[in-house]
Protein backbone atom coordinates (compact mmCIF):
# COMPACT_ATOMS: atom_id res chain seq x y z
CA MET A 1 160.49 342.59 186.83
CA SER A 2 164.01 341.23 186.34
CA ILE A 3 166.38 340.10 189.09
CA THR A 4 168.43 343.26 188.54
CA GLU A 5 165.36 345.44 188.98
CA LEU A 6 164.29 343.49 192.05
CA SER A 7 167.75 343.92 193.60
CA ARG A 8 167.55 347.68 193.05
CA ARG A 9 164.11 347.71 194.61
CA VAL A 10 165.33 345.85 197.71
CA ARG A 11 168.19 348.28 198.21
CA ARG A 12 165.90 351.27 197.72
CA GLU A 13 163.30 349.93 200.17
CA LEU A 14 165.99 349.38 202.79
CA THR A 15 166.74 353.11 202.66
CA TYR A 16 163.12 353.69 203.69
CA LEU A 17 163.62 351.55 206.80
CA GLY A 18 166.95 352.83 208.05
CA TYR A 19 165.80 355.05 210.93
CA PRO A 20 167.44 355.47 213.41
CA SER A 21 170.71 355.08 211.50
CA ARG A 22 173.15 355.67 214.36
CA GLU A 23 175.61 352.84 215.02
CA TRP A 24 175.51 352.63 218.77
CA THR A 25 177.55 349.74 220.19
CA CYS A 26 180.64 350.45 222.30
CA ALA A 27 184.10 349.40 221.18
CA ARG A 28 186.05 346.74 223.09
CA THR A 29 189.63 345.57 222.72
CA LEU A 30 191.66 342.67 224.05
CA ASP A 31 195.44 343.15 224.12
CA GLY A 32 195.04 345.89 221.56
CA VAL A 33 192.93 343.76 219.21
CA PRO A 34 189.46 345.17 218.45
CA ALA A 35 186.62 342.87 219.48
CA VAL A 36 183.62 342.17 217.27
CA ASP A 37 180.21 342.66 218.78
CA VAL A 38 178.89 339.40 217.31
CA LEU A 39 180.70 336.50 215.65
CA ILE A 40 178.27 334.36 213.64
CA VAL A 41 179.43 330.80 213.04
CA GLY A 42 177.61 329.42 210.01
CA GLY A 43 176.79 331.10 206.71
CA GLY A 44 173.60 329.21 205.88
CA GLN A 45 170.04 330.49 206.16
CA SER A 46 170.19 330.98 209.94
CA GLY A 47 173.55 332.76 209.92
CA LEU A 48 172.58 335.05 207.04
CA GLY A 49 169.24 335.88 208.66
CA THR A 50 170.97 336.67 211.96
CA ALA A 51 173.43 339.00 210.23
CA PHE A 52 170.69 340.90 208.40
CA GLY A 53 168.63 341.20 211.58
CA LEU A 54 171.62 342.70 213.39
CA GLN A 55 172.18 345.15 210.53
CA ARG A 56 168.59 346.32 210.92
CA GLU A 57 169.37 347.01 214.58
CA GLN A 58 172.41 349.09 213.42
CA ILE A 59 174.81 346.50 214.82
CA THR A 60 177.42 346.28 212.08
CA ASN A 61 180.58 345.27 213.94
CA ILE A 62 180.04 341.59 213.13
CA ARG A 63 181.77 338.74 211.31
CA ILE A 64 180.25 335.70 209.61
CA ILE A 65 182.36 332.58 209.06
CA ASP A 66 181.65 329.21 207.49
CA ARG A 67 183.96 326.22 207.16
CA ASN A 68 182.63 325.31 203.69
CA PRO A 69 183.42 326.90 200.32
CA ARG A 70 181.06 329.55 199.00
CA GLY A 71 177.77 328.08 197.82
CA ARG A 72 178.10 324.97 200.00
CA GLU A 73 177.02 326.52 203.26
CA GLY A 74 174.25 324.56 204.95
CA PRO A 75 172.96 321.18 203.71
CA TRP A 76 171.48 322.14 200.36
CA ARG A 77 174.38 321.39 197.99
CA ARG A 78 176.08 318.84 200.24
CA PHE A 79 173.64 316.27 201.62
CA ALA A 80 170.09 317.56 201.14
CA ARG A 81 168.83 315.01 198.61
CA MET A 82 165.13 315.79 198.50
CA THR A 83 163.71 317.09 195.24
CA THR A 84 161.59 319.79 196.92
CA LEU A 85 161.34 321.40 200.34
CA ARG A 86 158.65 319.94 202.56
CA THR A 87 158.01 323.50 203.77
CA PRO A 88 155.06 325.33 202.12
CA LYS A 89 156.30 327.50 199.27
CA ASP A 90 154.92 330.75 200.71
CA VAL A 91 156.96 330.52 203.92
CA ASP A 92 158.71 333.72 204.94
CA GLY A 93 161.11 334.66 207.71
CA ILE A 94 164.61 335.72 206.77
CA ASP A 95 163.12 338.62 204.79
CA PHE A 96 162.16 340.36 208.09
CA GLY A 97 158.85 341.51 206.63
CA ILE A 98 160.25 343.11 203.46
CA PRO A 99 158.09 341.74 200.60
CA SER A 100 160.66 342.28 197.84
CA LEU A 101 163.18 340.21 199.82
CA THR A 102 160.99 337.09 200.04
CA ALA A 103 161.63 333.84 198.18
CA ARG A 104 158.40 334.45 196.25
CA ALA A 105 159.52 337.86 194.97
CA TRP A 106 162.86 336.38 193.90
CA TYR A 107 161.22 333.36 192.21
CA GLU A 108 158.71 335.48 190.28
CA ALA A 109 161.49 337.78 189.08
CA GLN A 110 163.52 334.75 188.00
CA PHE A 111 160.83 332.51 186.46
CA GLY A 112 157.62 334.56 186.23
CA ARG A 113 154.39 334.79 188.21
CA ASP A 114 152.68 332.00 186.29
CA ALA A 115 155.52 329.63 187.18
CA TRP A 116 155.02 330.47 190.85
CA GLU A 117 151.31 329.75 190.65
CA ARG A 118 151.92 326.37 188.97
CA MET A 119 154.59 325.26 191.44
CA GLN A 120 153.50 323.21 194.45
CA ARG A 121 156.71 323.31 196.52
CA LEU A 122 160.08 324.99 196.07
CA PRO A 123 162.78 322.76 194.57
CA GLN A 124 165.58 322.55 197.10
CA GLU A 125 168.26 323.75 194.65
CA VAL A 126 166.09 326.81 193.94
CA TRP A 127 166.02 327.60 197.67
CA ARG A 128 169.83 327.47 197.71
CA ASP A 129 169.97 329.84 194.72
CA TYR A 130 167.65 332.21 196.58
CA LEU A 131 170.01 332.19 199.57
CA ASP A 132 172.92 333.08 197.28
CA TRP A 133 170.99 336.09 195.97
CA TYR A 134 169.91 337.08 199.50
CA ARG A 135 173.54 337.14 200.60
CA ASP A 136 174.64 339.24 197.64
CA VAL A 137 171.79 341.76 197.52
CA LEU A 138 172.23 342.53 201.22
CA GLY A 139 176.03 342.68 200.96
CA LEU A 140 176.57 340.09 203.70
CA ASN A 141 180.27 339.27 203.85
CA VAL A 142 180.71 335.57 204.69
CA GLU A 143 184.29 334.46 205.27
CA ASN A 144 184.28 330.99 203.71
CA GLU A 145 186.61 328.11 204.54
CA VAL A 146 187.15 329.46 208.05
CA GLU A 147 186.47 327.06 210.92
CA LEU A 148 185.83 327.71 214.60
CA MET A 149 188.20 325.48 216.55
CA SER A 150 187.50 326.46 220.16
CA VAL A 151 186.04 329.13 222.43
CA GLU A 152 187.34 330.34 225.77
CA PRO A 153 186.53 333.23 228.11
CA SER A 154 188.78 336.25 228.67
CA GLY A 155 187.43 338.84 231.09
CA ASP A 156 184.16 340.23 229.76
CA LEU A 157 184.84 338.81 226.29
CA LEU A 158 185.05 335.47 224.53
CA VAL A 159 188.03 334.47 222.43
CA ALA A 160 187.29 332.43 219.30
CA HIS A 161 190.17 330.45 217.80
CA LEU A 162 189.68 330.33 214.03
CA LEU A 163 191.49 328.23 211.44
CA ARG A 164 191.96 329.56 207.91
CA ALA A 165 194.21 327.87 205.34
CA GLY A 166 196.29 326.24 208.07
CA ARG A 167 196.77 329.45 210.04
CA THR A 168 195.08 330.31 213.34
CA GLU A 169 193.54 333.61 214.41
CA ARG A 170 192.36 334.75 217.84
CA VAL A 171 189.19 336.81 217.57
CA PRO A 172 187.80 338.59 220.64
CA ALA A 173 184.00 338.74 220.60
CA ARG A 174 181.30 340.04 222.90
CA LYS A 175 178.80 337.51 221.56
CA ILE A 176 179.05 334.31 219.51
CA VAL A 177 176.10 332.79 217.66
CA LEU A 178 176.39 329.11 216.73
CA ALA A 179 174.20 328.76 213.63
CA THR A 180 175.74 325.41 212.76
CA GLY A 181 172.79 323.39 211.53
CA PHE A 182 171.83 319.76 211.99
CA ASP A 183 174.90 318.56 213.83
CA GLY A 184 175.58 321.81 215.67
CA SER A 185 174.53 320.23 218.98
CA GLY A 186 176.27 316.90 218.56
CA ARG A 187 177.20 314.55 215.74
CA PRO A 188 175.73 312.14 213.18
CA ARG A 189 174.30 309.04 214.85
CA LEU A 190 176.12 305.89 213.74
CA PRO A 191 175.37 302.51 215.40
CA GLN A 192 178.80 301.65 216.76
CA ALA A 193 178.04 297.94 217.08
CA LEU A 194 177.22 297.78 213.36
CA ILE A 195 180.17 299.74 212.00
CA ALA A 196 182.82 298.27 214.31
CA ASN A 197 183.91 295.66 211.76
CA LEU A 198 183.28 297.66 208.58
CA SER A 199 185.73 299.75 206.59
CA LYS A 200 184.70 303.28 205.63
CA GLN A 201 184.46 302.26 201.98
CA HIS A 202 181.43 300.10 202.86
CA TYR A 203 179.21 302.70 204.56
CA ALA A 204 178.31 306.38 205.01
CA HIS A 205 175.96 308.48 207.06
CA SER A 206 173.16 310.23 205.18
CA SER A 207 174.76 313.61 206.06
CA ASP A 208 178.04 312.63 204.38
CA GLU A 209 178.88 313.75 200.88
CA ILE A 210 178.37 310.61 198.79
CA ASP A 211 179.41 310.04 195.19
CA PHE A 212 176.26 308.26 194.02
CA SER A 213 177.73 307.57 190.59
CA ARG A 214 179.90 304.95 192.31
CA LEU A 215 176.75 303.11 193.43
CA ARG A 216 175.60 302.33 189.92
CA GLY A 217 174.92 298.60 189.60
CA LYS A 218 175.40 298.08 193.36
CA ARG A 219 173.18 296.59 196.07
CA ILE A 220 172.41 299.33 198.58
CA GLY A 221 171.13 298.90 202.12
CA ILE A 222 169.58 301.86 203.96
CA LEU A 223 168.83 301.85 207.68
CA GLY A 224 166.12 304.32 208.67
CA VAL A 225 162.55 305.30 207.85
CA GLY A 226 162.50 309.10 207.90
CA ALA A 227 162.71 311.63 205.10
CA SER A 228 166.49 311.33 204.68
CA ALA A 229 166.22 307.53 204.31
CA PHE A 230 163.82 307.82 201.37
CA ASP A 231 165.71 310.78 199.88
CA ASN A 232 168.95 308.79 199.81
CA ALA A 233 167.14 305.73 198.47
CA GLY A 234 165.64 307.79 195.66
CA THR A 235 169.00 309.34 194.78
CA ALA A 236 170.67 305.90 194.68
CA LEU A 237 167.91 304.47 192.49
CA GLU A 238 168.13 307.37 190.06
CA ALA A 239 171.90 306.89 189.92
CA GLY A 240 171.38 303.32 188.66
CA ALA A 241 171.64 301.17 191.79
CA ALA A 242 170.86 297.53 191.05
CA ARG A 243 168.73 297.21 194.19
CA VAL A 244 167.86 299.31 197.24
CA ASP A 245 166.48 297.77 200.44
CA LEU A 246 165.26 300.19 203.09
CA CYS A 247 165.05 298.62 206.56
CA PHE A 248 163.59 299.95 209.81
CA ARG A 249 162.77 298.57 213.24
CA ARG A 250 159.19 299.87 213.43
CA ALA A 251 156.32 297.74 212.27
CA ALA A 252 155.02 300.41 209.89
CA ILE A 253 156.15 303.62 208.24
CA PRO A 254 155.12 306.72 210.28
CA ARG A 255 152.33 308.73 208.68
CA VAL A 256 151.72 311.76 210.94
CA ASN A 257 154.10 314.73 210.89
CA PRO A 258 154.03 316.67 214.19
CA LEU A 259 156.05 319.51 212.69
CA ILE A 260 153.08 320.47 210.50
CA TRP A 261 150.92 320.83 213.60
CA MET A 262 153.57 323.12 215.13
CA ASN A 263 153.29 325.69 212.33
CA PHE A 264 151.12 328.33 213.97
CA ALA A 265 152.08 331.73 215.34
CA GLY A 266 151.27 330.96 218.96
CA LEU A 267 153.61 328.02 219.35
CA LEU A 268 156.33 329.36 217.05
CA GLY A 269 156.39 332.69 218.82
CA TYR A 270 155.83 331.82 222.46
CA PHE A 271 156.75 328.19 223.13
CA GLY A 272 159.89 329.38 224.93
CA ASP A 273 157.74 331.25 227.46
CA LEU A 274 155.98 328.11 228.72
CA PRO A 275 156.91 326.57 232.10
CA ASP A 276 159.49 323.78 232.02
CA LEU A 277 156.97 321.00 232.61
CA GLU A 278 154.78 322.01 229.67
CA ARG A 279 157.76 322.42 227.33
CA TRP A 280 159.01 318.98 228.41
CA ARG A 281 155.67 317.29 227.73
CA PHE A 282 155.23 318.91 224.34
CA MET A 283 158.72 317.94 223.15
CA ARG A 284 158.66 314.46 224.62
CA HIS A 285 155.52 313.68 222.63
CA ILE A 286 156.87 315.30 219.44
CA LEU A 287 160.40 313.85 219.50
CA GLU A 288 159.72 310.40 220.95
CA ASP A 289 156.11 309.48 220.25
CA LEU A 290 155.66 311.03 216.78
CA PRO A 291 158.68 310.45 214.55
CA VAL A 292 158.73 312.60 211.42
CA PRO A 293 157.61 310.54 208.38
CA PRO A 294 158.93 310.76 204.81
CA THR A 295 157.13 313.06 202.42
CA GLN A 296 154.61 311.70 199.94
CA GLU A 297 156.81 312.70 197.00
CA SER A 298 159.86 310.93 198.46
CA VAL A 299 157.88 307.66 198.81
CA TRP A 300 156.53 307.91 195.25
CA ARG A 301 160.02 308.75 194.01
CA CYS A 302 161.27 305.40 195.30
CA ARG A 303 158.22 303.38 194.31
CA ARG A 304 158.72 304.33 190.68
CA HIS A 305 161.59 301.80 190.66
CA ALA A 306 160.94 298.07 190.63
CA GLN A 307 164.29 297.38 192.33
CA PHE A 308 163.19 299.17 195.53
CA ALA A 309 161.75 297.49 198.63
CA TRP A 310 161.21 298.39 202.28
CA HIS A 311 161.24 296.03 205.26
CA GLY A 312 159.54 296.79 208.57
CA ASP A 313 160.39 294.93 211.80
CA SER A 314 163.96 294.72 210.53
CA GLN A 315 166.18 295.78 213.37
CA TRP A 316 169.78 295.18 212.30
CA SER A 317 171.68 293.17 214.87
CA ALA A 318 174.98 292.61 213.06
CA ALA A 319 176.94 293.75 210.01
CA ARG A 320 180.15 292.07 208.92
CA PRO A 321 182.23 292.06 205.74
CA GLY A 322 182.13 288.94 203.63
CA ALA A 323 183.24 287.59 200.30
CA ASP A 324 180.11 289.03 198.69
CA GLY A 325 180.08 292.52 200.22
CA VAL A 326 178.56 293.22 203.65
CA GLU A 327 176.32 290.69 205.32
CA VAL A 328 173.61 292.17 207.55
CA THR A 329 171.48 290.19 209.99
CA ALA A 330 168.02 291.52 210.86
CA ASN A 331 165.45 289.56 212.87
CA GLY A 332 166.46 286.22 211.43
CA ARG A 333 166.87 287.51 207.89
CA THR A 334 170.14 288.05 206.04
CA PHE A 335 170.86 290.78 203.49
CA GLN A 336 173.87 291.14 201.21
CA PHE A 337 174.86 294.73 200.41
CA ASP A 338 177.69 296.39 198.53
CA PHE A 339 177.20 299.67 200.37
CA ILE A 340 175.21 300.87 203.40
CA ILE A 341 173.75 304.31 204.14
CA PHE A 342 172.81 304.99 207.77
CA ALA A 343 169.89 307.45 207.74
CA THR A 344 169.80 307.39 211.52
CA GLY A 345 169.69 311.08 212.36
CA PHE A 346 171.86 313.00 214.82
CA ASP A 347 172.79 312.60 218.46
CA THR A 348 172.54 315.60 220.76
CA ASP A 349 175.84 315.60 222.66
CA LEU A 350 177.64 318.86 223.34
CA THR A 351 180.79 316.99 224.36
CA ALA A 352 181.12 315.95 220.70
CA ARG A 353 181.54 319.57 219.63
CA PRO A 354 185.28 320.42 219.62
CA GLU A 355 184.64 324.17 219.67
CA LEU A 356 182.95 323.81 223.06
CA GLY A 357 185.63 321.56 224.56
CA PRO A 358 187.17 324.08 226.99
CA ILE A 359 183.80 325.19 228.40
CA VAL A 360 181.33 322.34 227.86
CA ASP A 361 181.37 321.27 231.52
CA HIS A 362 179.96 324.67 232.50
CA ILE A 363 176.91 324.46 230.19
CA ALA A 364 173.59 323.41 231.73
CA LEU A 365 171.56 320.61 230.15
CA TRP A 366 167.89 319.94 230.70
CA ARG A 367 168.72 317.06 233.05
CA ASP A 368 170.68 319.54 235.20
CA ARG A 369 167.75 321.94 235.58
CA PHE A 370 164.55 319.89 235.42
CA GLU A 371 163.30 316.80 237.19
CA PRO A 372 160.37 315.29 235.24
CA PRO A 373 157.46 313.56 236.99
CA ALA A 374 157.55 309.80 237.41
CA GLY A 375 156.96 308.00 234.14
CA GLU A 376 157.89 311.03 232.01
CA ARG A 377 161.66 310.73 231.90
CA SER A 378 163.51 311.07 228.61
CA GLU A 379 167.20 310.46 228.12
CA LEU A 380 166.93 312.15 224.72
CA LEU A 381 165.50 315.40 226.06
CA GLY A 382 167.79 315.40 229.07
CA ARG A 383 170.87 315.68 226.83
CA HIS A 384 169.69 318.92 225.19
CA PRO A 385 171.11 322.26 226.37
CA TYR A 386 168.91 324.28 228.70
CA LEU A 387 168.82 327.62 226.88
CA GLY A 388 167.72 331.09 227.94
CA PRO A 389 165.10 333.26 226.19
CA ALA A 390 167.53 334.42 223.46
CA PHE A 391 168.98 330.93 222.81
CA GLU A 392 171.90 331.64 225.15
CA PHE A 393 173.62 328.85 227.10
CA THR A 394 173.04 328.87 230.85
CA GLU A 395 175.36 327.88 233.68
CA ARG A 396 175.34 324.37 235.08
CA THR A 397 176.29 325.85 238.46
CA PRO A 398 174.71 329.31 238.83
CA GLY A 399 177.36 332.00 239.28
CA ALA A 400 180.29 329.75 238.33
CA ALA A 401 180.58 330.60 234.62
CA PRO A 402 178.56 333.68 233.61
CA PHE A 403 180.49 333.88 230.33
CA VAL A 404 178.48 330.98 228.83
CA ARG A 405 175.58 333.40 228.35
CA ARG A 406 177.65 335.10 225.67
CA LEU A 407 177.19 332.03 223.44
CA HIS A 408 173.85 331.58 221.66
CA GLN A 409 172.97 328.25 220.10
CA PHE A 410 170.62 328.66 217.14
CA THR A 411 170.43 324.99 216.06
CA PHE A 412 168.18 321.95 216.36
CA GLY A 413 169.46 321.56 219.91
CA ALA A 414 167.25 324.52 220.88
CA MET A 415 163.98 322.63 220.32
CA PRO A 416 163.17 321.67 223.94
CA SER A 417 163.92 325.23 225.10
CA GLN A 418 162.55 327.35 222.23
CA GLY A 419 160.54 325.03 220.01
CA LEU A 420 160.92 324.92 216.25
CA THR A 421 162.31 328.45 216.02
CA GLY A 422 165.98 327.55 215.58
CA ALA A 423 165.45 324.23 213.88
CA ALA A 424 163.59 324.63 210.59
CA ILE A 425 162.64 327.15 207.92
CA PRO A 426 159.10 327.79 209.28
CA GLY A 427 160.54 328.70 212.67
CA LEU A 428 163.00 331.32 211.42
CA LYS A 429 160.41 334.09 211.26
CA ARG A 430 159.95 334.15 215.04
CA GLY A 431 163.26 332.63 216.07
CA LEU A 432 165.47 335.17 214.31
CA ARG A 433 163.61 338.09 215.87
CA ARG A 434 163.89 336.58 219.32
CA LEU A 435 167.60 335.93 218.84
CA VAL A 436 168.43 339.35 217.36
CA GLN A 437 166.42 341.26 219.94
CA GLY A 438 168.15 339.32 222.71
CA LEU A 439 171.59 340.09 221.30
CA ALA A 440 170.80 343.79 220.94
CA ARG A 441 169.26 343.94 224.41
CA ASP A 442 172.31 342.38 226.04
CA LEU A 443 174.76 344.64 224.22
CA PHE A 444 172.82 347.73 225.24
CA CYS A 445 172.20 346.77 228.86
CA GLU A 446 175.83 345.81 229.38
CA ASP A 447 176.90 349.36 228.47
CA ALA A 448 174.05 351.28 230.12
CA ALA A 449 176.50 353.19 232.37
CA HIS A 450 178.47 354.36 229.33
CA TYR A 451 175.31 355.57 227.59
CA TYR A 452 174.31 357.47 230.73
CA GLU A 453 177.67 359.29 230.84
CA ASP A 454 177.37 359.98 227.12
CA LEU A 455 173.95 361.50 227.76
CA ARG A 456 175.33 363.72 230.54
CA ALA A 457 178.06 364.99 228.21
CA TYR A 458 175.69 365.61 225.31
CA ALA A 459 175.68 369.32 224.42
CA GLN A 460 174.62 369.55 220.77
CA PRO A 461 172.09 372.41 220.59
CA GLU A 462 168.92 371.87 218.59
CA LEU A 463 167.84 375.50 219.20
CA GLU A 464 170.31 377.50 217.11
CA THR A 465 169.31 381.11 217.93
CA LEU A 466 167.14 383.24 220.18
CA ASP A 467 166.91 386.01 217.56
CA THR A 468 163.73 386.70 215.67
CA GLU A 469 163.31 384.89 212.40
CA PHE A 470 163.79 388.18 210.50
CA ASP A 471 167.03 389.05 212.30
CA TRP A 472 168.39 385.53 211.90
CA LEU A 473 167.65 385.47 208.16
CA THR A 474 169.08 388.97 207.71
CA ASN A 475 172.32 387.96 209.43
CA LEU A 476 172.49 384.84 207.31
CA GLY A 477 172.05 386.92 204.15
CA THR A 478 174.76 389.34 205.20
CA GLN A 479 177.22 386.48 205.62
CA ALA A 480 176.24 385.10 202.24
CA MET A 481 177.03 388.44 200.58
CA GLN A 482 180.70 388.18 201.56
CA PRO A 483 182.05 386.43 198.42
CA ASN A 484 185.59 385.72 199.58
CA SER A 485 184.49 384.22 202.87
CA LEU A 486 181.74 382.18 201.24
CA LEU A 487 184.05 380.99 198.46
CA GLN A 488 186.72 379.89 200.91
CA GLU A 489 184.23 377.85 202.90
CA PHE A 490 182.71 376.34 199.77
CA THR A 491 186.14 375.48 198.31
CA ARG A 492 187.28 373.95 201.60
CA GLU A 493 184.24 371.68 201.75
CA ILE A 494 184.60 370.58 198.13
CA LEU A 495 188.28 369.72 198.50
CA ALA A 496 187.65 367.94 201.77
CA THR A 497 184.97 365.82 200.10
CA LEU A 498 187.26 364.95 197.19
CA GLY A 499 190.06 364.08 199.60
CA ASP A 500 187.83 361.76 201.60
CA GLU A 501 186.59 360.07 198.44
CA ALA A 502 190.16 359.48 197.23
CA ALA A 503 191.10 358.10 200.64
CA ARG A 504 188.16 355.70 200.57
CA GLN A 505 189.19 354.43 197.14
CA ASP A 506 192.75 353.86 198.30
CA HIS A 507 191.69 352.42 201.66
CA PRO A 508 188.21 350.81 201.45
CA ALA A 509 188.11 350.06 205.16
CA GLY A 510 188.27 353.79 205.89
CA LEU A 511 191.17 353.31 208.30
CA MET A 512 193.41 356.04 206.85
CA THR A 513 192.75 359.77 206.65
CA ARG A 514 194.60 362.33 204.62
CA ARG A 515 196.11 365.56 205.95
CA ARG A 516 194.52 368.48 204.19
CA ALA A 517 196.79 371.32 203.05
CA PRO A 518 195.77 374.87 204.05
CA ILE A 519 193.63 376.43 201.39
CA LYS A 520 194.62 379.87 200.07
CA PRO A 521 191.89 382.38 199.30
CA VAL A 522 191.04 382.61 195.64
CA ALA A 523 189.65 385.85 194.24
CA LEU A 524 187.18 385.65 191.40
CA PRO A 525 187.35 388.31 188.62
CA VAL A 526 184.66 390.94 189.02
CA LYS A 527 182.81 391.92 185.88
CA SER A 528 182.54 395.65 185.14
CA LYS A 529 179.18 397.23 184.46
CA LYS A 530 180.67 399.81 182.01
CA LYS A 531 180.01 399.40 178.33
CA PRO A 532 183.08 398.40 176.29
CA THR A 533 184.66 401.24 174.28
CA LYS A 534 186.32 401.07 170.91
CA PRO A 535 190.13 401.46 170.93
CA ARG A 536 191.46 404.88 169.69
CA LEU A 537 193.62 405.00 166.60
CA ARG A 538 196.95 406.72 167.08
CA ALA A 539 198.40 408.96 164.34
CA LYS A 540 201.33 407.39 162.67
């Protein structure tokens, strides 16, 4: 099966799953501007999955924006430098249970079934290609190079201030989903004491876009011991770095990955339903006691190069520019580097997010809602947002800012509240369903009174007649035998259809209708049953 055939199959299968097809949300406006039901910020895997899930709930009044150009949404073509995903290749989730929409179906159509069987893990660039196809086959319209600048409340709506090509736009929205990835809850972690005396040309964070060709022949220092540290080391070595030294403060490289243990349906689906104390204990052990190690392939990738070395017990205490590059001091040792990469992860700090600036003081954190037992405190966990069951923000002071529940944070910052569901590919299967169902539930419940009035006004009869079947069919046949009446009705419907089609071509958004001219009856010639006669010849 080719990609073209697979795409046709996906679209056909979606027609089998479209019931009920009624679009049901209620329109809102702010100062005459129509509001969207959901604004999705982020066009990567989480944002695309959210949009498709909403479409399946017949919620189509949505917008998806991403600040990056098309194809560079998410980390995959910007700073994801692993050769393969660490996720098992048969993972599913954003397909919402449709087999032909899975990464496996796409891969087999692209490269063949034998290639799938031989492959151990998906190459990361292949995953990004799959996301491109997913977006296109589902017709998900992502508005690229549009950035969310700030959010503020306005009555029963939120107002998102967007920036596009230097121009701002105010967008009213009933709900906003922040699917903004790794740094969506804070910012890259950079040791301020180490970078204070360095110019930007001497260092970068592992999430920055780095031109590795400029590192050829250079001495590279990397601070960190996780997957991104080894991925950046491997990329620098393959680019021709003269030497790469990877330093970390621990005595040994971590070996146990707690995220693998988390991959089972019980925890992925229901972690968010646990009491606060149990969620706290789980996450404190996972995030503080069991740091995520590098993958086996990333270690081997580096060890293939003789100019690579790692150094445990090497906490950096100082970094200063010198005549021979940057001089770094670490536990009595001194290193000389031409360039430094800080693979130090991300800080959770909502105050670092400019889009939340006007409202951040109203958002509850875990330290605002939960007091851990003695000996179980965690500054790290305490900084995370305390989210509701559908990833929605909650109020720091109950009743003071109910509008914060209209924002849903589907990022790594959701881990203490909802587990892995908003943080990694294996969690998307359960996390997206929880998020989408919560959005749909809130939109419906908010307008329950309107639906009740709509029900009371509903008067469309299903029972068309109380006549017998014979009488009804006879009457129908009598009407059909009136040619002029039937022709007029048929002609009117045909012309109306053609007019609508022409209007749609001229105005794709369907915002303009055409006035139909009155249709004059047209009489068809009636054939005679008499036999034709030969013409008589007149005498001259």
